[in-house]
Each structure stands twice: as structure tokens, then as C-alpha cells.
Amino acid sequence: MPLTKVTEKDIESVSTQLGRPARDIIAIAARCVCGNPVVVQTSPRLEDGTPFPTVYYLTLPAATSAVSTLEASGLMMELQTRLEQEPELAAGYASAHRSYLEDRALLGEVEEIDGISAGGMPTRVKCLHSLVAHSLATAPGVNPIGDIALDKCSWSIARCVCEK
């Protein structure tokens, strides 16, 4: 998905979604069909100087809840096993890691997080929220683990469940 400019309305929406003030959002990386933010792109260094490796951050409560349910179901362990047993899946996941790092490098280099992406990439499945956010922010096939999680998810970006 193409990045879109972040507006004050987006910042307010994300702050409401998170239940706290949104920090250092650069762009909206994915939107619901109704236009609300689903994934934000954040600065790799927060305004206070803190390194922040999570370039793509899932914010929509319905999406985060559905992904939390997947995590609780044991899907991460299942996907970790598949990574160890399926060389093509592991290669795709390693490629997703490189893609993530390339995207972040375009926003600025942060020495403290050099080589660290998100979600456990390139060898572990640690946070499906980050991996799903990466899949939604890019395109199908970029992050195969995020894609698998999206396929198994009870939530879909194509169907609005936003609280208006």
C-alpha cells in the first residue's frame, strides 16, 4: 500500500486507538476502507532521542485484538516450527527482514538498532502485530509470516469495523 500523508485528524484517531498520545508518526502505511489509520509508519528515533525499531505499527483496536487472539492460539510457535522446516519460507522471511531494514534506512540511520528489524525477523517469530503491520504496509509476498497471519486472522482490512 502506498504511504499517505499523516493529518491532524489521523494523529487524533491514532491517539484514540492507542489510548495515549501518538508519537513520531511520519505517515499512514495502511488505512481501513473507511479511511481510518490501521498501520502507522514511525520515526526510527523518537523525538526524545529513544531508538524505535518498529517502523510499522498496528494501531486499529479490532486488528490488534484479532492478532492478539492469533498469538494466544499458538500460531507463533507453529510458524516458528515452519520456519525451521521450510527453507523457502525461511528465505522469504529473511528477505522481509532486509526489506524492513531498507524501509527504515530511508527514514534515517540509528546506530543503536542497526540490523534489528521487528517481530523476531529474520529467524524468530516473536510479534505477529509487527509482522502483520509490515504485510499491510507493503504488499502480499513481502512478509510471508505476516501474510499467513493475515490469512488466519478474523479481522480484514477490506471490512470496516471501526468505531465511529
C-alpha atoms as a PDB file:
ATOM      1  CA  MET A   1       0.000   0.000   0.000  1.00  0.00           C
ATOM      2  CA  PRO A   2       1.280   3.486  -0.658  1.00  0.00           C
ATOM      3  CA  LEU A   3       2.135   5.659   2.296  1.00  0.00           C
ATOM      4  CA  THR A   4      -0.180   8.618   2.802  1.00  0.00           C
ATOM      5  CA  LYS A   5       0.487  11.902   4.487  1.00  0.00           C
ATOM      6  CA  VAL A   6      -0.457  11.989   8.146  1.00  0.00           C
ATOM      7  CA  THR A   7      -3.022  14.611   9.142  1.00  0.00           C
ATOM      8  CA  GLU A   8      -4.022  16.079  12.487  1.00  0.00           C
ATOM      9  CA  LYS A   9      -7.215  14.006  12.242  1.00  0.00           C
ATOM     10  CA  ASP A  10      -5.037  10.883  11.804  1.00  0.00           C
ATOM     11  CA  ILE A  11      -2.970  11.790  14.877  1.00  0.00           C
ATOM     12  CA  GLU A  12      -6.179  12.231  16.892  1.00  0.00           C
ATOM     13  CA  SER A  13      -7.553   8.942  15.581  1.00  0.00           C
ATOM     14  CA  VAL A  14      -4.370   7.004  16.368  1.00  0.00           C
ATOM     15  CA  SER A  15      -4.179   8.578  19.822  1.00  0.00           C
ATOM     16  CA  THR A  16      -7.734   7.414  20.474  1.00  0.00           C
ATOM     17  CA  GLN A  17      -6.945   3.951  19.093  1.00  0.00           C
ATOM     18  CA  LEU A  18      -3.891   3.622  21.350  1.00  0.00           C
ATOM     19  CA  GLY A  19      -5.411   5.278  24.389  1.00  0.00           C
ATOM     20  CA  ARG A  20      -2.374   7.550  24.655  1.00  0.00           C
ATOM     21  CA  PRO A  21      -0.798  10.337  22.616  1.00  0.00           C
ATOM     22  CA  ALA A  22       0.574   9.096  19.302  1.00  0.00           C
ATOM     23  CA  ARG A  23       4.332   9.606  18.942  1.00  0.00           C
ATOM     24  CA  ASP A  24       6.505  10.446  15.967  1.00  0.00           C
ATOM     25  CA  ILE A  25       4.195   9.260  13.192  1.00  0.00           C
ATOM     26  CA  ILE A  26       5.685  10.004   9.789  1.00  0.00           C
ATOM     27  CA  ALA A  27       2.933   8.599   7.557  1.00  0.00           C
ATOM     28  CA  ILE A  28      -0.054   6.302   7.459  1.00  0.00           C
ATOM     29  CA  ALA A  29       1.074   2.996   5.992  1.00  0.00           C
ATOM     30  CA  ALA A  30      -2.340   1.304   5.754  1.00  0.00           C
ATOM     31  CA  ARG A  31      -5.908   2.517   6.084  1.00  0.00           C
ATOM     32  CA  CYS A  32      -9.248   0.870   6.657  1.00  0.00           C
ATOM     33  CA  VAL A  33     -11.702   1.028   3.755  1.00  0.00           C
ATOM     34  CA  CYS A  34     -13.372   3.885   5.676  1.00  0.00           C
ATOM     35  CA  GLY A  35     -10.096   5.848   5.735  1.00  0.00           C
ATOM     36  CA  ASN A  36      -9.090   5.404   9.386  1.00  0.00           C
ATOM     37  CA  PRO A  37      -5.448   4.554  10.105  1.00  0.00           C
ATOM     38  CA  VAL A  38      -4.658   0.872  10.609  1.00  0.00           C
ATOM     39  CA  VAL A  39      -0.848   0.950  10.395  1.00  0.00           C
ATOM     40  CA  VAL A  40       1.388   3.936  11.029  1.00  0.00           C
ATOM     41  CA  GLN A  41       4.959   4.478   9.933  1.00  0.00           C
ATOM     42  CA  THR A  42       7.065   5.830  12.765  1.00  0.00           C
ATOM     43  CA  SER A  43      10.410   7.519  13.025  1.00  0.00           C
ATOM     44  CA  PRO A  44      13.306   5.208  13.895  1.00  0.00           C
ATOM     45  CA  ARG A  45      14.335   7.715  16.569  1.00  0.00           C
ATOM     46  CA  LEU A  46      11.646   9.237  18.731  1.00  0.00           C
ATOM     47  CA  GLU A  47      11.605  12.952  19.466  1.00  0.00           C
ATOM     48  CA  ASP A  48      13.088  12.303  22.933  1.00  0.00           C
ATOM     49  CA  GLY A  49      16.056  10.503  21.341  1.00  0.00           C
ATOM     50  CA  THR A  50      14.920   6.952  22.058  1.00  0.00           C
ATOM     51  CA  PRO A  51      15.682   4.451  19.260  1.00  0.00           C
ATOM     52  CA  PHE A  52      12.443   2.912  17.964  1.00  0.00           C
ATOM     53  CA  PRO A  53      12.913  -0.106  15.672  1.00  0.00           C
ATOM     54  CA  THR A  54       9.206  -0.600  14.923  1.00  0.00           C
ATOM     55  CA  VAL A  55       8.771   1.282  11.649  1.00  0.00           C
ATOM     56  CA  TYR A  56       5.302  -0.149  11.026  1.00  0.00           C
ATOM     57  CA  TYR A  57       2.942  -0.136  13.991  1.00  0.00           C
ATOM     58  CA  LEU A  58      -0.522  -1.735  14.024  1.00  0.00           C
ATOM     59  CA  THR A  59      -2.941   0.673  15.736  1.00  0.00           C
ATOM     60  CA  LEU A  60      -6.552  -0.246  14.925  1.00  0.00           C
ATOM     61  CA  PRO A  61      -8.061  -1.940  18.018  1.00  0.00           C
ATOM     62  CA  ALA A  62     -10.045  -4.548  16.048  1.00  0.00           C
ATOM     63  CA  ALA A  63      -6.901  -5.571  14.182  1.00  0.00           C
ATOM     64  CA  THR A  64      -4.685  -5.664  17.266  1.00  0.00           C
ATOM     65  CA  SER A  65      -7.286  -7.704  19.141  1.00  0.00           C
ATOM     66  CA  ALA A  66      -7.617 -10.230  16.329  1.00  0.00           C
ATOM     67  CA  VAL A  67      -3.839 -10.595  16.073  1.00  0.00           C
ATOM     68  CA  SER A  68      -3.591 -10.996  19.867  1.00  0.00           C
ATOM     69  CA  THR A  69      -6.057 -13.873  19.556  1.00  0.00           C
ATOM     70  CA  LEU A  70      -3.803 -15.482  16.944  1.00  0.00           C
ATOM     71  CA  GLU A  71      -0.800 -15.105  19.223  1.00  0.00           C
ATOM     72  CA  ALA A  72      -2.718 -16.679  22.124  1.00  0.00           C
ATOM     73  CA  SER A  73      -3.759 -19.586  19.879  1.00  0.00           C
ATOM     74  CA  GLY A  74      -0.158 -20.752  19.496  1.00  0.00           C
ATOM     75  CA  LEU A  75       0.260 -19.594  15.912  1.00  0.00           C
ATOM     76  CA  MET A  76       3.683 -18.079  16.630  1.00  0.00           C
ATOM     77  CA  MET A  77       5.050 -21.447  17.766  1.00  0.00           C
ATOM     78  CA  GLU A  78       3.538 -23.135  14.714  1.00  0.00           C
ATOM     79  CA  LEU A  79       5.117 -20.552  12.396  1.00  0.00           C
ATOM     80  CA  GLN A  80       8.452 -20.819  14.195  1.00  0.00           C
ATOM     81  CA  THR A  81       8.432 -24.570  13.534  1.00  0.00           C
ATOM     82  CA  ARG A  82       7.569 -23.973   9.892  1.00  0.00           C
ATOM     83  CA  LEU A  83      10.485 -21.530   9.579  1.00  0.00           C
ATOM     84  CA  GLU A  84      12.813 -24.269  10.789  1.00  0.00           C
ATOM     85  CA  GLN A  85      11.339 -26.881   8.437  1.00  0.00           C
ATOM     86  CA  GLU A  86      10.596 -24.898   5.259  1.00  0.00           C
ATOM     87  CA  PRO A  87      13.648 -23.345   3.600  1.00  0.00           C
ATOM     88  CA  GLU A  88      11.561 -21.284   1.150  1.00  0.00           C
ATOM     89  CA  LEU A  89       9.529 -19.757   3.972  1.00  0.00           C
ATOM     90  CA  ALA A  90      12.742 -19.001   5.889  1.00  0.00           C
ATOM     91  CA  ALA A  91      14.264 -17.358   2.803  1.00  0.00           C
ATOM     92  CA  GLY A  92      11.156 -15.230   2.308  1.00  0.00           C
ATOM     93  CA  TYR A  93      11.243 -14.196   5.958  1.00  0.00           C
ATOM     94  CA  ALA A  94      14.927 -13.257   5.689  1.00  0.00           C
ATOM     95  CA  SER A  95      14.024 -11.162   2.650  1.00  0.00           C
ATOM     96  CA  ALA A  96      11.242  -9.478   4.669  1.00  0.00           C
ATOM     97  CA  HIS A  97      13.842  -8.585   7.318  1.00  0.00           C
ATOM     98  CA  ARG A  98      16.038  -6.930   4.687  1.00  0.00           C
ATOM     99  CA  SER A  99      13.023  -5.081   3.244  1.00  0.00           C
ATOM    100  CA  TYR A 100      12.124  -3.763   6.689  1.00  0.00           C
ATOM    101  CA  LEU A 101      15.663  -2.536   7.291  1.00  0.00           C
ATOM    102  CA  GLU A 102      15.738  -0.856   3.880  1.00  0.00           C
ATOM    103  CA  ASP A 103      12.465   0.948   4.612  1.00  0.00           C
ATOM    104  CA  ARG A 104      13.779   2.154   7.963  1.00  0.00           C
ATOM    105  CA  ALA A 105      17.097   3.288   6.468  1.00  0.00           C
ATOM    106  CA  LEU A 106      15.164   5.654   4.210  1.00  0.00           C
ATOM    107  CA  LEU A 107      13.928   7.383   7.383  1.00  0.00           C
ATOM    108  CA  GLY A 108      17.375   7.724   8.940  1.00  0.00           C
ATOM    109  CA  GLU A 109      20.158   5.628  10.363  1.00  0.00           C
ATOM    110  CA  VAL A 110      20.030   4.806  14.063  1.00  0.00           C
ATOM    111  CA  GLU A 111      23.214   3.068  15.168  1.00  0.00           C
ATOM    112  CA  GLU A 112      21.693   1.519  18.303  1.00  0.00           C
ATOM    113  CA  ILE A 113      19.197  -0.533  16.290  1.00  0.00           C
ATOM    114  CA  ASP A 114      21.355  -1.246  13.256  1.00  0.00           C
ATOM    115  CA  GLY A 115      20.451  -4.667  11.867  1.00  0.00           C
ATOM    116  CA  ILE A 116      17.425  -5.091  14.144  1.00  0.00           C
ATOM    117  CA  SER A 117      14.062  -5.176  12.414  1.00  0.00           C
ATOM    118  CA  ALA A 118      10.859  -6.256  14.172  1.00  0.00           C
ATOM    119  CA  GLY A 119       8.735  -9.230  15.097  1.00  0.00           C
ATOM    120  CA  GLY A 120      11.715 -11.539  15.568  1.00  0.00           C
ATOM    121  CA  MET A 121      12.892 -11.317  11.964  1.00  0.00           C
ATOM    122  CA  PRO A 122      14.890 -12.861  10.394  1.00  0.00           C
ATOM    123  CA  THR A 123      14.943 -16.118  12.388  1.00  0.00           C
ATOM    124  CA  ARG A 124      12.235 -15.958  15.068  1.00  0.00           C
ATOM    125  CA  VAL A 125       8.505 -15.328  15.166  1.00  0.00           C
ATOM    126  CA  LYS A 126       8.172 -13.029  18.146  1.00  0.00           C
ATOM    127  CA  CYS A 127       5.412 -10.465  17.473  1.00  0.00           C
ATOM    128  CA  LEU A 128       2.653 -11.070  14.945  1.00  0.00           C
ATOM    129  CA  HIS A 129       1.449  -7.476  15.389  1.00  0.00           C
ATOM    130  CA  SER A 130       4.671  -6.158  13.840  1.00  0.00           C
ATOM    131  CA  LEU A 131       4.676  -8.759  11.094  1.00  0.00           C
ATOM    132  CA  VAL A 132       1.045  -8.125  10.141  1.00  0.00           C
ATOM    133  CA  ALA A 133       1.722  -4.374  10.166  1.00  0.00           C
ATOM    134  CA  HIS A 134       4.642  -4.938   7.776  1.00  0.00           C
ATOM    135  CA  SER A 135       2.460  -7.022   5.459  1.00  0.00           C
ATOM    136  CA  LEU A 136      -0.285  -4.392   5.439  1.00  0.00           C
ATOM    137  CA  ALA A 137       2.205  -1.563   4.857  1.00  0.00           C
ATOM    138  CA  THR A 138       3.869  -3.244   1.896  1.00  0.00           C
ATOM    139  CA  ALA A 139       2.315  -5.841  -0.402  1.00  0.00           C
ATOM    140  CA  PRO A 140       1.407  -9.513  -0.340  1.00  0.00           C
ATOM    141  CA  GLY A 141       4.551 -11.625  -0.597  1.00  0.00           C
ATOM    142  CA  VAL A 142       6.906  -9.155   1.094  1.00  0.00           C
ATOM    143  CA  ASN A 143       6.476 -10.695   4.553  1.00  0.00           C
ATOM    144  CA  PRO A 144       5.282 -14.295   4.273  1.00  0.00           C
ATOM    145  CA  ILE A 145       4.778 -14.769   8.015  1.00  0.00           C
ATOM    146  CA  GLY A 146       2.698 -11.594   8.234  1.00  0.00           C
ATOM    147  CA  ASP A 147       0.736 -12.785   5.199  1.00  0.00           C
ATOM    148  CA  ILE A 148      -0.006 -16.155   6.825  1.00  0.00           C
ATOM    149  CA  ALA A 149      -1.172 -14.414   9.992  1.00  0.00           C
ATOM    150  CA  LEU A 150      -3.432 -12.104   7.960  1.00  0.00           C
ATOM    151  CA  ASP A 151      -4.929 -15.107   6.156  1.00  0.00           C
ATOM    152  CA  LYS A 152      -5.744 -16.737   9.511  1.00  0.00           C
ATOM    153  CA  CYS A 153      -6.979 -13.528  11.101  1.00  0.00           C
ATOM    154  CA  SER A 154     -10.637 -12.930  11.962  1.00  0.00           C
ATOM    155  CA  TRP A 155     -10.150  -9.240  11.033  1.00  0.00           C
ATOM    156  CA  SER A 156      -9.769  -7.958   7.455  1.00  0.00           C
ATOM    157  CA  ILE A 157      -8.674  -4.577   6.144  1.00  0.00           C
ATOM    158  CA  ALA A 158     -11.380  -4.937   3.489  1.00  0.00           C
ATOM    159  CA  ARG A 159     -14.218  -4.777   6.035  1.00  0.00           C
ATOM    160  CA  CYS A 160     -14.713  -1.736   8.260  1.00  0.00           C
ATOM    161  CA  VAL A 161     -15.214  -2.455  11.958  1.00  0.00           C
ATOM    162  CA  CYS A 162     -14.107   0.959  13.177  1.00  0.00           C
ATOM    163  CA  GLU A 163     -15.984   2.625  15.973  1.00  0.00           C
ATOM    164  CA  LYS A 164     -17.233   5.870  14.537  1.00  0.00           C
END
